[in-house]
Protein backbone atom coordinates (compact mmCIF):
# COMPACT_ATOMS: atom_id res chain seq x y z
CA MET A 1 -23.33 7.82 11.29
CA SER A 2 -20.74 7.74 14.05
CA ALA A 3 -17.77 10.10 14.35
CA LEU A 4 -15.48 7.24 13.30
CA ASP A 5 -17.66 6.57 10.26
CA GLU A 6 -17.43 10.24 9.30
CA ILE A 7 -13.64 10.21 9.58
CA ALA A 8 -13.49 7.08 7.44
CA GLN A 9 -15.62 8.75 4.78
CA VAL A 10 -13.42 11.83 4.81
CA ALA A 11 -10.32 9.65 4.49
CA TRP A 12 -11.73 7.96 1.41
CA ALA A 13 -13.02 11.21 -0.10
CA ARG A 14 -9.51 12.69 0.03
CA LEU A 15 -7.21 9.73 -0.57
CA PRO A 16 -7.58 9.58 -4.36
CA ALA A 17 -7.78 13.36 -4.76
CA SER A 18 -5.69 15.41 -7.13
CA PRO A 19 -4.82 12.79 -9.77
CA LEU A 20 -1.50 13.48 -11.35
CA SER A 21 -2.02 11.55 -14.57
CA GLY A 22 -4.47 13.84 -16.38
CA GLY A 23 -8.08 13.51 -15.32
CA LYS A 24 -9.99 11.28 -12.93
CA VAL A 25 -10.84 7.68 -13.70
CA ASP A 26 -14.51 6.89 -14.29
CA TYR A 27 -14.99 3.87 -11.99
CA ARG A 28 -18.61 3.47 -13.18
CA SER A 29 -17.87 2.56 -16.80
CA PRO A 30 -17.65 0.70 -19.09
CA ARG A 31 -20.50 -1.41 -17.85
CA GLY A 32 -19.63 -5.03 -17.03
CA ASP A 33 -15.86 -4.53 -16.91
CA VAL A 34 -14.59 -6.27 -13.73
CA GLY A 35 -11.05 -4.93 -14.09
CA PHE A 36 -8.06 -6.85 -12.76
CA PHE A 37 -9.84 -8.39 -9.76
CA GLY A 38 -13.61 -8.00 -9.58
CA PRO A 39 -16.24 -8.59 -6.88
CA GLY A 40 -15.56 -11.32 -4.37
CA SER A 41 -11.80 -10.92 -4.70
CA MET A 42 -9.65 -10.43 -1.61
CA ALA A 43 -8.19 -7.29 -3.18
CA TRP A 44 -11.59 -5.67 -3.35
CA ARG A 45 -12.10 -6.58 0.29
CA VAL A 46 -8.71 -5.57 1.67
CA HIS A 47 -8.04 -2.48 -0.41
CA ALA A 48 -11.41 -1.06 0.55
CA ASN A 49 -10.05 -0.07 3.93
CA PRO A 50 -8.01 3.16 4.27
CA ILE A 51 -6.45 2.05 7.55
CA ALA A 52 -5.10 -1.14 5.97
CA LEU A 53 -3.68 0.88 3.10
CA ALA A 54 -2.16 3.57 5.31
CA VAL A 55 -0.51 1.31 7.88
CA GLY A 56 0.41 -1.42 5.40
CA GLY A 57 1.74 1.10 2.92
CA VAL A 58 4.15 2.66 5.40
CA ALA A 59 5.34 -0.76 6.64
CA ALA A 60 5.98 -1.80 3.02
CA VAL A 61 8.06 1.30 2.34
CA ILE A 62 10.14 0.63 5.46
CA LEU A 63 11.06 -2.77 3.97
CA GLU A 64 11.66 -1.29 0.55
CA LEU A 65 13.95 1.46 1.87
CA ALA A 66 15.92 -1.16 3.80
CA GLU A 67 17.06 -2.59 0.44
CA PRO A 68 19.92 -0.33 -0.76
CA ARG A 69 19.07 -0.46 -4.48
CA VAL A 70 15.38 0.27 -3.90
CA ARG A 71 16.30 2.95 -1.37
CA THR A 72 18.56 4.80 -3.81
CA GLY A 73 15.98 4.57 -6.60
CA VAL A 74 13.17 5.89 -4.45
CA TRP A 75 15.10 8.59 -2.64
CA GLU A 76 17.03 9.98 -5.62
CA HIS A 77 14.47 9.49 -8.43
CA SER A 78 11.07 10.40 -6.87
CA ILE A 79 9.44 13.54 -5.50
CA PHE A 80 8.99 12.12 -2.00
CA ARG A 81 11.45 14.43 -0.30
CA THR A 82 10.26 17.57 -2.13
CA ASP A 83 6.52 16.87 -2.30
CA PRO A 84 5.58 13.98 0.01
CA LEU A 85 1.88 14.70 -0.05
CA ALA A 86 1.67 14.37 -3.81
CA ARG A 87 3.76 11.24 -3.72
CA MET A 88 1.43 9.65 -1.13
CA GLN A 89 -1.62 10.67 -3.14
CA ARG A 90 -0.11 9.21 -6.33
CA THR A 91 0.62 5.89 -4.60
CA GLY A 92 -2.88 5.71 -3.13
CA GLU A 93 -4.43 6.56 -6.45
CA ALA A 94 -2.46 3.86 -8.25
CA THR A 95 -3.67 1.25 -5.75
CA LEU A 96 -7.29 2.30 -6.25
CA ILE A 97 -7.06 2.36 -10.05
CA THR A 98 -5.38 -1.03 -10.42
CA THR A 99 -7.78 -2.59 -7.92
CA TYR A 100 -11.13 -1.05 -8.70
CA GLY A 101 -10.70 0.67 -12.04
CA PRO A 102 -11.83 -0.73 -15.41
CA THR A 103 -9.25 -2.78 -17.27
CA ARG A 104 -8.09 -0.05 -19.66
CA ALA A 105 -7.57 2.45 -16.81
CA ALA A 106 -5.60 -0.13 -14.83
CA GLU A 107 -3.45 -1.00 -17.82
CA ALA A 108 -2.85 2.70 -18.54
CA ARG A 109 -1.66 3.32 -15.02
CA ILE A 110 0.63 0.29 -15.11
CA ALA A 111 2.12 1.53 -18.39
CA MET A 112 2.64 5.01 -16.92
CA VAL A 113 4.44 3.61 -13.87
CA THR A 114 6.54 1.32 -16.07
CA ARG A 115 7.62 4.26 -18.22
CA MET A 116 8.69 6.12 -15.07
CA HIS A 117 10.62 3.09 -13.86
CA GLU A 118 12.47 2.82 -17.18
CA ARG A 119 14.20 6.08 -16.32
CA VAL A 120 15.27 4.96 -12.87
CA PHE A 121 18.76 3.43 -12.74
CA GLY A 122 22.13 4.25 -11.28
CA THR A 123 24.51 3.21 -8.55
CA THR A 124 24.03 3.05 -4.80
CA PRO A 125 26.42 4.94 -2.50
CA GLU A 126 28.02 1.55 -1.82
CA GLY A 127 28.78 1.17 -5.53
CA GLN A 128 26.09 -1.36 -6.47
CA ALA A 129 24.51 -0.81 -9.89
CA PHE A 130 20.73 -1.05 -10.12
CA THR A 131 17.75 -0.51 -12.38
CA ALA A 132 14.21 -0.15 -11.15
CA LEU A 133 13.05 -2.81 -13.62
CA ASP A 134 15.30 -5.50 -12.12
CA PRO A 135 12.95 -8.50 -11.64
CA GLU A 136 14.19 -9.09 -8.13
CA LEU A 137 13.49 -5.52 -7.10
CA MET A 138 10.11 -5.40 -8.82
CA THR A 139 9.16 -8.58 -7.02
CA TRP A 140 10.29 -7.19 -3.67
CA VAL A 141 8.28 -4.01 -4.14
CA HIS A 142 5.21 -5.93 -5.28
CA LEU A 143 5.25 -8.46 -2.47
CA THR A 144 6.04 -5.95 0.30
CA ALA A 145 3.05 -3.83 -0.77
CA GLY A 146 0.70 -6.79 -0.77
CA TRP A 147 2.16 -8.11 2.47
CA GLY A 148 1.71 -4.69 4.11
CA PHE A 149 -1.87 -4.26 3.03
CA VAL A 150 -3.09 -7.77 3.97
CA THR A 151 -1.13 -7.90 7.23
CA ALA A 152 -2.41 -4.48 8.32
CA TYR A 153 -5.97 -5.54 7.40
CA ASP A 154 -5.60 -8.72 9.46
CA ARG A 155 -4.21 -6.69 12.40
CA TYR A 156 -6.44 -3.61 12.34
CA VAL A 157 -9.63 -4.46 10.49
CA GLU A 158 -10.60 -8.14 10.87
CA ARG A 159 -8.79 -11.45 11.31
CA LEU A 160 -8.26 -13.42 8.13
CA GLY A 161 -7.88 -17.15 7.73
CA ALA A 162 -4.79 -18.72 6.22
CA ALA A 163 -6.71 -19.67 3.06
CA GLU A 164 -7.92 -16.06 2.63
CA ILE A 165 -4.39 -14.71 2.91
CA ASP A 166 -3.10 -17.24 0.40
CA ARG A 167 -5.92 -16.27 -1.97
CA TYR A 168 -5.00 -12.63 -1.62
CA TYR A 169 -1.46 -13.34 -2.73
CA ALA A 170 -2.50 -15.67 -5.49
CA GLU A 171 -4.96 -13.13 -6.93
CA GLY A 172 -2.27 -10.48 -7.02
CA GLY A 173 -0.10 -12.48 -9.39
CA ARG A 174 -1.60 -10.94 -12.53
CA LEU A 175 -0.90 -7.41 -11.27
CA GLY A 176 2.61 -8.32 -10.12
CA ARG A 177 3.53 -9.76 -13.52
CA ALA A 178 2.07 -6.68 -15.24
CA PHE A 179 4.37 -4.50 -13.16
CA GLY A 180 7.43 -6.58 -14.00
CA ALA A 181 7.63 -9.22 -11.26
CA PRO A 182 8.05 -12.40 -13.37
CA GLU A 183 7.07 -14.94 -10.70
CA PRO A 184 5.32 -13.11 -7.84
CA PRO A 185 4.75 -15.22 -4.72
CA GLY A 186 1.26 -16.71 -4.67
CA SER A 187 0.96 -17.80 -1.01
CA ALA A 188 2.00 -16.76 2.47
CA ALA A 189 4.64 -19.53 2.43
CA GLU A 190 6.14 -18.16 -0.77
CA VAL A 191 6.13 -14.61 0.66
CA ALA A 192 7.92 -15.93 3.77
CA ALA A 193 10.52 -17.53 1.55
CA TRP A 194 11.11 -14.22 -0.22
CA PHE A 195 11.53 -12.50 3.15
CA ASP A 196 14.20 -15.07 4.00
CA ARG A 197 15.92 -14.49 0.64
CA MET A 198 15.97 -10.68 1.12
CA ARG A 199 16.85 -10.48 4.85
CA PRO A 200 20.65 -10.59 4.24
CA MET A 201 20.31 -7.61 1.86
CA LEU A 202 18.36 -5.30 4.22
CA ARG A 203 20.40 -2.60 5.93
CA PRO A 204 19.66 0.20 8.40
CA ASN A 205 20.00 3.71 6.99
CA PRO A 206 19.16 7.26 8.20
CA ILE A 207 16.86 7.66 5.21
CA ILE A 208 14.42 5.23 6.82
CA GLY A 209 14.13 7.53 9.84
CA GLU A 210 13.86 10.56 7.58
CA PHE A 211 11.02 8.84 5.70
CA LEU A 212 9.18 8.03 8.92
CA GLY A 213 9.57 11.59 10.11
CA ILE A 214 8.09 12.93 6.86
CA VAL A 215 5.15 10.51 7.06
CA ALA A 216 4.51 11.37 10.70
CA ARG A 217 4.15 15.07 9.73
CA THR A 218 2.29 14.74 6.40
CA SER A 219 -1.30 13.79 5.68
CA PRO A 220 -3.81 14.40 2.88
CA LEU A 221 -6.52 14.74 5.58
CA GLY A 222 -5.62 18.09 7.11
CA LEU A 223 -5.35 18.63 10.85
CA ALA A 224 -7.22 15.43 11.79
CA GLY A 225 -4.93 13.41 9.54
CA ARG A 226 -1.80 14.96 10.98
CA ALA A 227 -2.93 13.90 14.44
CA LEU A 228 -3.33 10.34 13.18
CA GLN A 229 -0.10 10.07 11.21
CA PRO A 230 2.23 9.43 14.23
CA LEU A 231 -0.09 6.57 15.17
CA VAL A 232 0.07 5.20 11.64
CA VAL A 233 3.88 5.30 11.80
CA GLU A 234 3.89 3.53 15.19
CA ALA A 235 1.59 0.81 13.90
CA ALA A 236 3.61 0.41 10.70
CA ILE A 237 6.88 -0.05 12.63
CA ASP A 238 5.27 -2.68 14.84
CA LEU A 239 3.97 -4.49 11.74
CA VAL A 240 7.49 -5.12 10.42
CA PRO A 241 8.80 -8.54 11.48
CA GLU A 242 10.59 -8.23 14.81
CA ASP A 243 14.01 -9.46 13.63
CA ILE A 244 14.03 -7.05 10.70
CA ARG A 245 12.81 -4.23 12.94
CA ASP A 246 15.69 -4.91 15.34
CA ALA A 247 18.22 -5.11 12.49
CA LEU A 248 17.04 -1.71 11.20
CA GLY A 249 17.27 -0.16 14.68
CA LEU A 250 13.54 0.52 14.87
CA SER A 251 11.34 0.02 17.89
CA SER A 252 7.76 0.77 18.78
CA ARG A 253 6.74 2.51 21.98
CA ALA A 254 4.26 0.54 24.07
CA VAL A 255 2.05 3.40 25.13
CA ARG A 256 1.76 5.00 21.75
CA LEU A 257 1.32 1.61 20.14
CA GLY A 258 -1.56 0.90 22.51
CA VAL A 259 -3.19 4.16 21.51
CA ALA A 260 -2.59 3.37 17.85
CA GLU A 261 -4.16 -0.09 18.19
CA PHE A 262 -7.25 1.41 19.85
CA VAL A 263 -7.75 4.38 17.53
CA LEU A 264 -6.73 2.74 14.23
CA GLY A 265 -8.63 -0.44 15.09
CA GLY A 266 -11.75 1.63 15.62
CA LEU A 267 -11.28 3.50 12.39
CA GLY A 268 -10.59 0.24 10.53
CA SER A 269 -13.83 -1.22 11.81
CA ALA A 270 -15.72 1.95 10.99
CA ALA A 271 -14.45 1.86 7.42
CA ARG A 272 -15.89 -1.59 6.98
CA ARG A 273 -19.30 -0.13 7.62
CA SER A 274 -18.80 2.73 5.19
CA PRO A 275 -18.01 1.47 1.66
CA PRO A 276 -15.96 4.25 -0.01
CA PRO A 277 -17.15 5.98 -3.19
CA VAL A 278 -14.64 4.17 -5.37
CA VAL A 279 -15.95 0.77 -4.18
CA ARG A 280 -19.57 1.77 -4.69
CA ASP A 281 -18.83 3.01 -8.19
CA ALA A 282 -16.88 -0.17 -9.12
CA TYR A 283 -19.82 -2.31 -8.03
CA ALA A 284 -22.23 -0.11 -9.93
CA ARG A 285 -20.10 -0.64 -13.03
CA ILE A 286 -20.91 -4.37 -12.94
CA GLY A 287 -24.52 -3.93 -11.87
CA LEU A 288 -24.12 -4.83 -8.20
CA THR A 289 -24.15 -3.10 -4.85
CA PRO A 290 -21.22 -3.25 -2.42
CA TYR A 291 -21.10 -6.17 -0.06
CA GLN A 292 -21.46 -5.26 3.56
CA PHE A 293 -18.12 -5.38 5.30
CA ARG A 294 -18.39 -7.77 8.20
């Protein structure tokens, strides 16, 4: 096993650590339960890569914090500022459970998140009322997460065809509706239309920079992870569409971005060769062995 393979294994071993919902999910049972997606799905392929999740997740949050109502809800009603590591672990865990967990575990996590969202409402500093369960906001959060993961996978793991990207979005519809997005976009074209719809609402704010600073300093992987986090942030900024990046006052630095592309691309490729424990257990649950990442 190469050094990159070892780092990829460590990343997966620690990402879903310290569940905050009361006990770990048994990904190996009940036998035959394919969960929300199942083998052969694009979600099982894309979400099996920690680099895609890390880079794509940060890029998605940039877009979410650019929307004033989402920004206020996240910043004033979550533990991110006080315990960013726990918040990052909770988000990673939710992705793994809803992707690879058995159906009941996925439904339980969705119900838990929904209950939390029911308590999130208020008014932005600009005077705009909001509730976390607003269908438009739930759709924006759902689609930015999916867009981030699949775009980062395409950039840092392996190139995807247009049909594969469309299939990824289409498959995510069930999960989006379960989380409260009534008509989640089911293709790259529909995602692009939503970006056009939301662009006029996105605003720069110092909180975005504060968020990126926290992420650059915080990692569940110890010293090695903290060395990688600034590269993850650089890659995530570059992933954001250029016009939105400019409007938010963000820019990537060419030298650091080049290092990020080299290091994260290598780690992304290594992770394809090292199916994580959650993936192996999910396949075992349905009597199969993990496909070999190409």
